[in-house]
Amino acid sequence: MDISLEVIPLPVTDIDRARDFYRDKVGFHVDIDQEVMPGMRIVQLTPPGSGCSIALGDMIWEMAPGPKPAPGSYQGLQLCVADIKAARAELVERGLDVSEPVQYAPDDGATFMYFTDPDGNGWAIQEYRRRATEPLHRVLADLATRER
């Protein structure tokens, strides 16, 4: 059985403000912005090149069992880029307040920068230079064919 992680609901206080932030400052594509059933609006956004989206909604948490996370309570969400300096330049140009890159080790995958959304949900952006020549979807497809 294949199972893929495709959508992460994200707790925010203002759907429009969050949509505009992720679209305009972070560069996510708006896939859906509509009332999907009476009284339930969903905004789904996807980072360029990603197979996983975030979902913003006014009724998401009421429909799911379990506790309702507070806006700003998500920390450690992670994006990956092949060139962190180029990504930072583009994000700063878009108006995103993003940290300077921090290199924790010389290895590929050990450089990060950080930002928060208007509610305080925390994101990391990891430089993984290998992604320039080996996009994740291709690596995973190759692994799947080897496992068969």
Protein backbone atom coordinates (compact mmCIF):
# COMPACT_ATOMS: atom_id res chain seq x y z
CA MET A 1 0.00 0.00 0.00
CA ASP A 2 1.29 3.46 -0.92
CA ILE A 3 0.52 6.32 1.44
CA SER A 4 1.55 9.87 0.65
CA LEU A 5 1.58 12.96 2.82
CA GLU A 6 -0.18 15.55 0.68
CA VAL A 7 -1.93 18.13 2.89
CA ILE A 8 -1.08 19.62 6.28
CA PRO A 9 -3.86 21.67 7.91
CA LEU A 10 -2.31 24.80 9.41
CA PRO A 11 -3.94 26.69 12.30
CA VAL A 12 -4.29 30.42 11.58
CA THR A 13 -6.49 33.24 12.88
CA ASP A 14 -7.23 34.95 9.56
CA ILE A 15 -7.52 32.85 6.41
CA ASP A 16 -7.20 35.79 3.99
CA ARG A 17 -4.15 37.20 5.75
CA ALA A 18 -2.49 33.77 5.83
CA ARG A 19 -3.35 33.09 2.16
CA ASP A 20 -1.86 36.42 1.11
CA PHE A 21 1.26 35.81 3.22
CA TYR A 22 1.97 32.35 1.83
CA ARG A 23 1.11 33.38 -1.74
CA ASP A 24 2.80 36.78 -1.90
CA LYS A 25 5.74 36.49 0.49
CA VAL A 26 6.61 32.79 0.45
CA GLY A 27 5.57 32.11 -3.16
CA PHE A 28 3.13 29.24 -2.64
CA HIS A 29 0.57 28.59 -5.39
CA VAL A 30 -3.11 28.90 -4.41
CA ASP A 31 -4.69 25.62 -5.54
CA ILE A 32 -8.11 26.06 -3.96
CA ASP A 33 -9.89 29.02 -2.40
CA GLN A 34 -13.55 28.20 -2.13
CA GLU A 35 -16.42 27.14 0.02
CA VAL A 36 -16.24 23.36 -0.39
CA MET A 37 -19.51 22.76 1.46
CA PRO A 38 -21.99 25.14 3.06
CA GLY A 39 -20.15 27.16 5.70
CA MET A 40 -16.76 25.51 5.11
CA ARG A 41 -14.09 27.48 3.24
CA ILE A 42 -10.79 25.85 2.33
CA VAL A 43 -7.68 27.54 1.00
CA GLN A 44 -5.04 25.07 -0.15
CA LEU A 45 -1.57 26.30 -1.11
CA THR A 46 1.41 24.38 -2.48
CA PRO A 47 5.08 25.37 -2.54
CA PRO A 48 6.52 25.33 -6.08
CA GLY A 49 7.85 21.86 -6.86
CA SER A 50 6.23 20.22 -3.83
CA GLY A 51 3.84 17.31 -3.63
CA CYS A 52 2.56 18.45 -0.22
CA SER A 53 0.27 21.41 0.44
CA ILE A 54 -0.97 23.36 3.42
CA ALA A 55 -4.68 23.86 4.04
CA LEU A 56 -6.27 26.82 5.76
CA GLY A 57 -9.90 26.55 6.73
CA ASP A 58 -12.51 27.86 9.08
CA MET A 59 -14.05 24.46 9.88
CA ILE A 60 -11.13 22.01 9.46
CA TRP A 61 -10.58 21.57 13.18
CA GLU A 62 -14.25 21.18 14.03
CA MET A 63 -14.55 18.23 11.64
CA ALA A 64 -11.50 16.32 12.89
CA PRO A 65 -11.43 14.42 16.17
CA GLY A 66 -8.95 15.46 18.82
CA PRO A 67 -7.73 18.77 20.17
CA LYS A 68 -7.88 21.98 18.19
CA PRO A 69 -4.35 23.38 17.76
CA ALA A 70 -3.90 27.06 18.50
CA PRO A 71 -2.84 29.38 15.69
CA GLY A 72 0.94 29.74 15.85
CA SER A 73 1.42 26.43 17.65
CA TYR A 74 3.03 24.61 14.72
CA GLN A 75 6.82 24.74 14.81
CA GLY A 76 9.43 22.97 12.70
CA LEU A 77 7.57 22.84 9.41
CA GLN A 78 10.28 22.43 6.82
CA LEU A 79 10.84 23.38 3.21
CA CYS A 80 13.85 22.36 1.10
CA VAL A 81 15.69 24.34 -1.57
CA ALA A 82 18.71 23.56 -3.74
CA ASP A 83 20.31 27.01 -3.28
CA ILE A 84 19.63 28.73 0.03
CA LYS A 85 21.31 32.02 -0.91
CA ALA A 86 19.23 32.37 -4.08
CA ALA A 87 16.09 31.35 -2.18
CA ARG A 88 16.78 33.90 0.56
CA ALA A 89 17.33 36.68 -2.00
CA GLU A 90 14.01 35.89 -3.68
CA LEU A 91 12.12 35.66 -0.38
CA VAL A 92 13.59 38.93 0.92
CA GLU A 93 12.65 40.58 -2.38
CA ARG A 94 9.08 39.34 -1.83
CA GLY A 95 9.11 41.02 1.60
CA LEU A 96 9.55 37.94 3.80
CA ASP A 97 11.38 38.43 7.09
CA VAL A 98 13.65 35.39 6.90
CA SER A 99 16.81 34.77 8.92
CA GLU A 100 20.28 34.61 7.48
CA PRO A 101 21.34 31.06 6.57
CA VAL A 102 22.98 29.13 9.39
CA GLN A 103 25.40 26.35 8.46
CA TYR A 104 25.51 23.73 11.21
CA ALA A 105 28.00 21.49 9.38
CA PRO A 106 29.71 21.52 5.94
CA ASP A 107 27.58 18.58 4.72
CA ASP A 108 24.80 18.98 2.19
CA GLY A 109 21.57 19.37 4.13
CA ALA A 110 23.13 21.11 7.13
CA THR A 111 22.30 24.74 6.27
CA PHE A 112 19.01 26.30 7.39
CA MET A 113 17.16 29.61 7.60
CA TYR A 114 13.95 30.39 9.46
CA PHE A 115 10.76 32.44 9.31
CA THR A 116 7.35 32.62 10.97
CA ASP A 117 3.94 33.33 9.51
CA PRO A 118 1.74 36.16 10.85
CA ASP A 119 0.35 33.83 13.55
CA GLY A 120 3.76 32.56 14.67
CA ASN A 121 3.79 29.14 12.99
CA GLY A 122 7.51 28.43 12.57
CA TRP A 123 9.19 27.26 9.39
CA ALA A 124 12.70 26.12 8.52
CA ILE A 125 14.14 26.18 5.02
CA GLN A 126 16.88 23.61 4.49
CA GLU A 127 19.43 23.79 1.73
CA TYR A 128 19.72 20.40 0.11
CA ARG A 129 21.90 20.98 -2.96
CA ARG A 130 21.32 17.44 -4.16
CA ARG A 131 17.72 18.43 -5.04
CA ALA A 132 19.02 20.47 -7.99
CA THR A 133 20.00 17.27 -9.79
CA GLU A 134 17.83 14.75 -7.93
CA PRO A 135 14.32 16.07 -7.23
CA LEU A 136 12.64 14.19 -4.39
CA HIS A 137 9.86 12.81 -6.58
CA ARG A 138 12.46 11.21 -8.85
CA VAL A 139 14.47 9.78 -5.94
CA LEU A 140 11.32 8.26 -4.42
CA ALA A 141 10.19 6.80 -7.76
CA ASP A 142 13.62 5.19 -8.22
CA LEU A 143 13.48 3.73 -4.70
CA ALA A 144 9.99 2.35 -5.31
CA THR A 145 11.07 0.58 -8.49
CA ARG A 146 14.08 -0.95 -6.71
CA GLU A 147 11.89 -2.29 -3.90
CA ARG A 148 9.66 -4.26 -6.29
